[in-house]
Amino acid sequence: MNGSTSGHDDRSARRRLAAVAQHESDAPALESIVVRYEDRPDRCTIAPRECSEADQLTTWISANVRAFVDLADVR
């Protein structure tokens, strides 16, 4: 046993959390644009705030607004 009541290695968990924190600081700033429609679901598009014109054509994701949740609500 490793001393953890959860059965997981605490050192491993700390390493994973540190890796996530490092990744988050390396992540690009994102911006979102919501397009509202009268006859279909509203759409939200998320893309990097700063990218070349060529990348703007392919570096984005769109989904119905209802597919997104507030980060604070799911933490």
PDB file of N, CA and C in Angstrom:
ATOM      1  N   MET A   1       0.849  -1.188   0.000  1.00  0.00           N
ATOM      2  CA  MET A   1       0.000   0.000   0.000  1.00  0.00           C
ATOM      3  C   MET A   1       0.883   1.236   0.000  1.00  0.00           C
ATOM      4  N   ASN A   2       0.412   2.294  -0.562  1.00  0.00           N
ATOM      5  CA  ASN A   2       1.224   3.490  -0.710  1.00  0.00           C
ATOM      6  C   ASN A   2       0.861   4.604   0.258  1.00  0.00           C
ATOM      7  N   GLY A   3      -0.011   4.348   1.224  1.00  0.00           N
ATOM      8  CA  GLY A   3      -0.385   5.367   2.194  1.00  0.00           C
ATOM      9  C   GLY A   3      -1.598   6.181   1.778  1.00  0.00           C
ATOM     10  N   SER A   4      -2.083   6.001   0.583  1.00  0.00           N
ATOM     11  CA  SER A   4      -3.242   6.738   0.095  1.00  0.00           C
ATOM     12  C   SER A   4      -4.503   5.977   0.441  1.00  0.00           C
ATOM     13  N   THR A   5      -5.486   6.662   0.992  1.00  0.00           N
ATOM     14  CA  THR A   5      -6.750   5.996   1.322  1.00  0.00           C
ATOM     15  C   THR A   5      -7.572   5.719   0.068  1.00  0.00           C
ATOM     16  N   SER A   6      -7.265   6.366  -1.024  1.00  0.00           N
ATOM     17  CA  SER A   6      -8.022   6.159  -2.259  1.00  0.00           C
ATOM     18  C   SER A   6      -7.486   4.992  -3.075  1.00  0.00           C
ATOM     19  N   GLY A   7      -6.306   4.482  -2.690  1.00  0.00           N
ATOM     20  CA  GLY A   7      -5.708   3.397  -3.450  1.00  0.00           C
ATOM     21  C   GLY A   7      -4.877   3.882  -4.617  1.00  0.00           C
ATOM     22  N   HIS A   8      -4.765   5.197  -4.801  1.00  0.00           N
ATOM     23  CA  HIS A   8      -3.976   5.767  -5.883  1.00  0.00           C
ATOM     24  C   HIS A   8      -2.665   6.301  -5.332  1.00  0.00           C
ATOM     25  N   ASP A   9      -1.664   6.317  -6.147  1.00  0.00           N
ATOM     26  CA  ASP A   9      -0.363   6.841  -5.761  1.00  0.00           C
ATOM     27  C   ASP A   9      -0.429   8.367  -5.721  1.00  0.00           C
ATOM     28  N   ASP A  10      -0.263   8.962  -4.521  1.00  0.00           N
ATOM     29  CA  ASP A  10      -0.353  10.415  -4.372  1.00  0.00           C
ATOM     30  C   ASP A  10       0.717  11.146  -5.187  1.00  0.00           C
ATOM     31  N   ARG A  11       1.907  10.575  -5.269  1.00  0.00           N
ATOM     32  CA  ARG A  11       2.972  11.220  -6.061  1.00  0.00           C
ATOM     33  C   ARG A  11       2.575  11.276  -7.527  1.00  0.00           C
ATOM     34  N   SER A  12       1.989  10.211  -8.018  1.00  0.00           N
ATOM     35  CA  SER A  12       1.556  10.169  -9.415  1.00  0.00           C
ATOM     36  C   SER A  12       0.480  11.228  -9.664  1.00  0.00           C
ATOM     37  N   ALA A  13      -0.447  11.362  -8.749  1.00  0.00           N
ATOM     38  CA  ALA A  13      -1.501  12.363  -8.889  1.00  0.00           C
ATOM     39  C   ALA A  13      -0.905  13.764  -8.898  1.00  0.00           C
ATOM     40  N   ARG A  14       0.067  14.024  -8.020  1.00  0.00           N
ATOM     41  CA  ARG A  14       0.709  15.345  -7.989  1.00  0.00           C
ATOM     42  C   ARG A  14       1.440  15.629  -9.298  1.00  0.00           C
ATOM     43  N   ARG A  15       2.082  14.610  -9.864  1.00  0.00           N
ATOM     44  CA  ARG A  15       2.781  14.796 -11.143  1.00  0.00           C
ATOM     45  C   ARG A  15       1.781  15.126 -12.252  1.00  0.00           C
ATOM     46  N   ARG A  16       0.649  14.424 -12.276  1.00  0.00           N
ATOM     47  CA  ARG A  16      -0.362  14.692 -13.296  1.00  0.00           C
ATOM     48  C   ARG A  16      -0.928  16.106 -13.150  1.00  0.00           C
ATOM     49  N   LEU A  17      -1.184  16.530 -11.916  1.00  0.00           N
ATOM     50  CA  LEU A  17      -1.708  17.876 -11.686  1.00  0.00           C
ATOM     51  C   LEU A  17      -0.690  18.939 -12.109  1.00  0.00           C
ATOM     52  N   ALA A  18       0.576  18.697 -11.824  1.00  0.00           N
ATOM     53  CA  ALA A  18       1.618  19.641 -12.237  1.00  0.00           C
ATOM     54  C   ALA A  18       1.694  19.719 -13.758  1.00  0.00           C
ATOM     55  N   ALA A  19       1.561  18.577 -14.427  1.00  0.00           N
ATOM     56  CA  ALA A  19       1.600  18.559 -15.894  1.00  0.00           C
ATOM     57  C   ALA A  19       0.408  19.314 -16.470  1.00  0.00           C
ATOM     58  N   VAL A  20      -0.753  19.156 -15.872  1.00  0.00           N
ATOM     59  CA  VAL A  20      -1.944  19.871 -16.341  1.00  0.00           C
ATOM     60  C   VAL A  20      -1.759  21.370 -16.147  1.00  0.00           C
ATOM     61  N   ALA A  21      -1.238  21.774 -14.990  1.00  0.00           N
ATOM     62  CA  ALA A  21      -1.013  23.201 -14.733  1.00  0.00           C
ATOM     63  C   ALA A  21      -0.036  23.780 -15.750  1.00  0.00           C
ATOM     64  N   GLN A  22       1.021  23.045 -16.073  1.00  0.00           N
ATOM     65  CA  GLN A  22       1.986  23.518 -17.062  1.00  0.00           C
ATOM     66  C   GLN A  22       1.332  23.633 -18.428  1.00  0.00           C
ATOM     67  N   HIS A  23       0.528  22.640 -18.785  1.00  0.00           N
ATOM     68  CA  HIS A  23      -0.160  22.661 -20.085  1.00  0.00           C
ATOM     69  C   HIS A  23      -1.111  23.846 -20.179  1.00  0.00           C
ATOM     70  N   GLU A  24      -1.838  24.128 -19.086  1.00  0.00           N
ATOM     71  CA  GLU A  24      -2.774  25.247 -19.098  1.00  0.00           C
ATOM     72  C   GLU A  24      -2.051  26.565 -19.320  1.00  0.00           C
ATOM     73  N   SER A  25      -0.860  26.717 -18.730  1.00  0.00           N
ATOM     74  CA  SER A  25      -0.137  27.974 -18.916  1.00  0.00           C
ATOM     75  C   SER A  25       0.409  28.091 -20.336  1.00  0.00           C
ATOM     76  N   ASP A  26       0.595  26.969 -21.017  1.00  0.00           N
ATOM     77  CA  ASP A  26       1.079  26.972 -22.397  1.00  0.00           C
ATOM     78  C   ASP A  26      -0.058  27.087 -23.413  1.00  0.00           C
ATOM     79  N   ALA A  27      -1.291  26.944 -22.959  1.00  0.00           N
ATOM     80  CA  ALA A  27      -2.438  26.944 -23.856  1.00  0.00           C
ATOM     81  C   ALA A  27      -2.659  28.334 -24.450  1.00  0.00           C
ATOM     82  N   PRO A  28      -3.077  28.405 -25.705  1.00  0.00           N
ATOM     83  CA  PRO A  28      -3.322  29.706 -26.324  1.00  0.00           C
ATOM     84  C   PRO A  28      -4.581  30.358 -25.742  1.00  0.00           C
ATOM     85  N   ALA A  29      -4.615  31.677 -25.772  1.00  0.00           N
ATOM     86  CA  ALA A  29      -5.816  32.395 -25.360  1.00  0.00           C
ATOM     87  C   ALA A  29      -6.888  32.150 -26.416  1.00  0.00           C
ATOM     88  N   LEU A  30      -8.096  31.882 -25.959  1.00  0.00           N
ATOM     89  CA  LEU A  30      -9.193  31.604 -26.883  1.00  0.00           C
ATOM     90  C   LEU A  30     -10.238  32.697 -26.813  1.00  0.00           C
ATOM     91  N   GLU A  31     -10.966  32.848 -27.892  1.00  0.00           N
ATOM     92  CA  GLU A  31     -12.104  33.760 -27.901  1.00  0.00           C
ATOM     93  C   GLU A  31     -13.298  33.022 -28.469  1.00  0.00           C
ATOM     94  N   SER A  32     -14.477  33.462 -28.081  1.00  0.00           N
ATOM     95  CA  SER A  32     -15.687  32.810 -28.582  1.00  0.00           C
ATOM     96  C   SER A  32     -16.596  33.841 -29.231  1.00  0.00           C
ATOM     97  N   ILE A  33     -17.323  33.363 -30.214  1.00  0.00           N
ATOM     98  CA  ILE A  33     -18.302  34.188 -30.922  1.00  0.00           C
ATOM     99  C   ILE A  33     -19.603  33.395 -30.969  1.00  0.00           C
ATOM    100  N   VAL A  34     -20.683  34.016 -30.523  1.00  0.00           N
ATOM    101  CA  VAL A  34     -21.989  33.358 -30.552  1.00  0.00           C
ATOM    102  C   VAL A  34     -22.826  33.992 -31.654  1.00  0.00           C
ATOM    103  N   VAL A  35     -23.370  33.143 -32.511  1.00  0.00           N
ATOM    104  CA  VAL A  35     -24.282  33.591 -33.561  1.00  0.00           C
ATOM    105  C   VAL A  35     -25.669  33.104 -33.174  1.00  0.00           C
ATOM    106  N   ARG A  36     -26.594  34.040 -33.056  1.00  0.00           N
ATOM    107  CA  ARG A  36     -27.957  33.704 -32.633  1.00  0.00           C
ATOM    108  C   ARG A  36     -28.858  33.580 -33.870  1.00  0.00           C
ATOM    109  N   TYR A  37     -29.679  32.542 -33.855  1.00  0.00           N
ATOM    110  CA  TYR A  37     -30.592  32.274 -34.968  1.00  0.00           C
ATOM    111  C   TYR A  37     -32.027  32.256 -34.449  1.00  0.00           C
ATOM    112  N   GLU A  38     -32.960  32.616 -35.298  1.00  0.00           N
ATOM    113  CA  GLU A  38     -34.371  32.556 -34.924  1.00  0.00           C
ATOM    114  C   GLU A  38     -34.959  31.182 -35.194  1.00  0.00           C
ATOM    115  N   ASP A  39     -34.454  30.487 -36.214  1.00  0.00           N
ATOM    116  CA  ASP A  39     -35.089  29.252 -36.657  1.00  0.00           C
ATOM    117  C   ASP A  39     -34.279  27.981 -36.381  1.00  0.00           C
ATOM    118  N   ARG A  40     -33.174  28.097 -35.657  1.00  0.00           N
ATOM    119  CA  ARG A  40     -32.370  26.927 -35.300  1.00  0.00           C
ATOM    120  C   ARG A  40     -31.542  27.277 -34.069  1.00  0.00           C
ATOM    121  N   PRO A  41     -30.897  26.289 -33.455  1.00  0.00           N
ATOM    122  CA  PRO A  41     -30.130  26.568 -32.236  1.00  0.00           C
ATOM    123  C   PRO A  41     -28.988  27.557 -32.474  1.00  0.00           C
ATOM    124  N   ASP A  42     -28.751  28.404 -31.476  1.00  0.00           N
ATOM    125  CA  ASP A  42     -27.624  29.330 -31.545  1.00  0.00           C
ATOM    126  C   ASP A  42     -26.325  28.540 -31.574  1.00  0.00           C
ATOM    127  N   ARG A  43     -25.297  29.091 -32.234  1.00  0.00           N
ATOM    128  CA  ARG A  43     -24.007  28.411 -32.385  1.00  0.00           C
ATOM    129  C   ARG A  43     -22.900  29.243 -31.756  1.00  0.00           C
ATOM    130  N   CYS A  44     -21.952  28.559 -31.143  1.00  0.00           N
ATOM    131  CA  CYS A  44     -20.782  29.205 -30.556  1.00  0.00           C
ATOM    132  C   CYS A  44     -19.542  28.663 -31.262  1.00  0.00           C
ATOM    133  N   THR A  45     -18.684  29.567 -31.701  1.00  0.00           N
ATOM    134  CA  THR A  45     -17.425  29.186 -32.332  1.00  0.00           C
ATOM    135  C   THR A  45     -16.285  29.651 -31.444  1.00  0.00           C
ATOM    136  N   ILE A  46     -15.349  28.746 -31.174  1.00  0.00           N
ATOM    137  CA  ILE A  46     -14.186  29.053 -30.335  1.00  0.00           C
ATOM    138  C   ILE A  46     -12.940  28.895 -31.192  1.00  0.00           C
ATOM    139  N   ALA A  47     -12.050  29.887 -31.095  1.00  0.00           N
ATOM    140  CA  ALA A  47     -10.817  29.881 -31.891  1.00  0.00           C
ATOM    141  C   ALA A  47      -9.713  30.569 -31.092  1.00  0.00           C
ATOM    142  N   PRO A  48      -8.461  30.289 -31.434  1.00  0.00           N
ATOM    143  CA  PRO A  48      -7.360  31.001 -30.774  1.00  0.00           C
ATOM    144  C   PRO A  48      -7.473  32.501 -31.049  1.00  0.00           C
ATOM    145  N   ARG A  49      -7.160  33.294 -30.043  1.00  0.00           N
ATOM    146  CA  ARG A  49      -7.236  34.747 -30.199  1.00  0.00           C
ATOM    147  C   ARG A  49      -6.219  35.248 -31.213  1.00  0.00           C
ATOM    148  N   GLU A  50      -5.030  34.676 -31.173  1.00  0.00           N
ATOM    149  CA  GLU A  50      -3.976  35.115 -32.084  1.00  0.00           C
ATOM    150  C   GLU A  50      -3.529  33.939 -32.947  1.00  0.00           C
ATOM    151  N   CYS A  51      -3.815  34.015 -34.232  1.00  0.00           N
ATOM    152  CA  CYS A  51      -3.308  33.012 -35.163  1.00  0.00           C
ATOM    153  C   CYS A  51      -3.249  33.636 -36.552  1.00  0.00           C
ATOM    154  N   SER A  52      -2.481  33.026 -37.423  1.00  0.00           N
ATOM    155  CA  SER A  52      -2.312  33.569 -38.769  1.00  0.00           C
ATOM    156  C   SER A  52      -3.625  33.460 -39.555  1.00  0.00           C
ATOM    157  N   GLU A  53      -3.726  34.216 -40.618  1.00  0.00           N
ATOM    158  CA  GLU A  53      -4.926  34.157 -41.461  1.00  0.00           C
ATOM    159  C   GLU A  53      -5.142  32.757 -42.019  1.00  0.00           C
ATOM    160  N   ALA A  54      -4.067  32.087 -42.383  1.00  0.00           N
ATOM    161  CA  ALA A  54      -4.186  30.721 -42.906  1.00  0.00           C
ATOM    162  C   ALA A  54      -4.738  29.779 -41.835  1.00  0.00           C
ATOM    163  N   ASP A  55      -4.264  29.925 -40.600  1.00  0.00           N
ATOM    164  CA  ASP A  55      -4.741  29.062 -39.514  1.00  0.00           C
ATOM    165  C   ASP A  55      -6.184  29.371 -39.128  1.00  0.00           C
ATOM    166  N   GLN A  56      -6.624  30.591 -39.343  1.00  0.00           N
ATOM    167  CA  GLN A  56      -7.996  30.951 -39.000  1.00  0.00           C
ATOM    168  C   GLN A  56      -9.013  30.106 -39.761  1.00  0.00           C
ATOM    169  N   LEU A  57      -8.629  29.598 -40.909  1.00  0.00           N
ATOM    170  CA  LEU A  57      -9.546  28.789 -41.717  1.00  0.00           C
ATOM    171  C   LEU A  57      -9.757  27.389 -41.152  1.00  0.00           C
ATOM    172  N   THR A  58      -8.817  26.911 -40.336  1.00  0.00           N
ATOM    173  CA  THR A  58      -8.892  25.520 -39.861  1.00  0.00           C
ATOM    174  C   THR A  58      -8.770  25.355 -38.357  1.00  0.00           C
ATOM    175  N   THR A  59      -8.446  26.395 -37.612  1.00  0.00           N
ATOM    176  CA  THR A  59      -8.193  26.267 -36.174  1.00  0.00           C
ATOM    177  C   THR A  59      -9.369  26.834 -35.386  1.00  0.00           C
ATOM    178  N   TRP A  60     -10.485  26.114 -35.386  1.00  0.00           N
ATOM    179  CA  TRP A  60     -11.670  26.550 -34.686  1.00  0.00           C
ATOM    180  C   TRP A  60     -12.582  25.363 -34.451  1.00  0.00           C
ATOM    181  N   ILE A  61     -13.553  25.535 -33.582  1.00  0.00           N
ATOM    182  CA  ILE A  61     -14.570  24.515 -33.352  1.00  0.00           C
ATOM    183  C   ILE A  61     -15.893  25.229 -33.089  1.00  0.00           C
ATOM    184  N   SER A  62     -16.963  24.690 -33.632  1.00  0.00           N
ATOM    185  CA  SER A  62     -18.299  25.253 -33.431  1.00  0.00           C
ATOM    186  C   SER A  62     -19.228  24.184 -32.902  1.00  0.00           C
ATOM    187  N   ALA A  63     -20.164  24.618 -32.067  1.00  0.00           N
ATOM    188  CA  ALA A  63     -21.168  23.700 -31.526  1.00  0.00           C
ATOM    189  C   ALA A  63     -22.378  24.522 -31.089  1.00  0.00           C
ATOM    190  N   ASN A  64     -23.484  23.837 -30.882  1.00  0.00           N
ATOM    191  CA  ASN A  64     -24.664  24.515 -30.357  1.00  0.00           C
ATOM    192  C   ASN A  64     -24.330  25.080 -28.980  1.00  0.00           C
ATOM    193  N   VAL A  65     -24.842  26.258 -28.684  1.00  0.00           N
ATOM    194  CA  VAL A  65     -24.557  26.929 -27.423  1.00  0.00           C
ATOM    195  C   VAL A  65     -24.893  26.037 -26.226  1.00  0.00           C
ATOM    196  N   ARG A  66     -25.936  25.261 -26.316  1.00  0.00           N
ATOM    197  CA  ARG A  66     -26.354  24.412 -25.191  1.00  0.00           C
ATOM    198  C   ARG A  66     -25.343  23.308 -24.881  1.00  0.00           C
ATOM    199  N   ALA A  67     -24.395  23.068 -25.781  1.00  0.00           N
ATOM    200  CA  ALA A  67     -23.371  22.045 -25.552  1.00  0.00           C
ATOM    201  C   ALA A  67     -22.294  22.528 -24.586  1.00  0.00           C
ATOM    202  N   PHE A  68     -22.225  23.825 -24.338  1.00  0.00           N
ATOM    203  CA  PHE A  68     -21.205  24.399 -23.463  1.00  0.00           C
ATOM    204  C   PHE A  68     -21.747  24.581 -22.063  1.00  0.00           C
ATOM    205  N   VAL A  69     -20.884  24.415 -21.078  1.00  0.00           N
ATOM    206  CA  VAL A  69     -21.263  24.634 -19.690  1.00  0.00           C
ATOM    207  C   VAL A  69     -20.282  25.604 -19.055  1.00  0.00           C
ATOM    208  N   ASP A  70     -20.710  26.257 -18.000  1.00  0.00           N
ATOM    209  CA  ASP A  70     -19.826  27.161 -17.274  1.00  0.00           C
ATOM    210  C   ASP A  70     -18.795  26.328 -16.521  1.00  0.00           C
ATOM    211  N   LEU A  71     -17.534  26.648 -16.697  1.00  0.00           N
ATOM    212  CA  LEU A  71     -16.466  25.882 -16.068  1.00  0.00           C
ATOM    213  C   LEU A  71     -16.620  25.834 -14.557  1.00  0.00           C
ATOM    214  N   ALA A  72     -17.009  26.931 -13.939  1.00  0.00           N
ATOM    215  CA  ALA A  72     -17.162  26.970 -12.485  1.00  0.00           C
ATOM    216  C   ALA A  72     -18.248  25.991 -12.021  1.00  0.00           C
ATOM    217  N   ASP A  73     -19.249  25.743 -12.839  1.00  0.00           N
ATOM    218  CA  ASP A  73     -20.334  24.832 -12.468  1.00  0.00           C
ATOM    219  C   ASP A  73     -19.904  23.370 -12.459  1.00  0.00           C
ATOM    220  N   VAL A  74     -18.873  23.029 -13.208  1.00  0.00           N
ATOM    221  CA  VAL A  74     -18.474  21.627 -13.295  1.00  0.00           C
ATOM    222  C   VAL A  74     -17.194  21.293 -12.531  1.00  0.00           C
ATOM    223  N   ARG A  75     -16.633  22.263 -11.870  1.00  0.00           N
ATOM    224  CA  ARG A  75     -15.434  22.020 -11.065  1.00  0.00           C
ATOM    225  C   ARG A  75     -15.793  21.510  -9.707  1.00  0.00           C
TER     226      ARG A  75
END
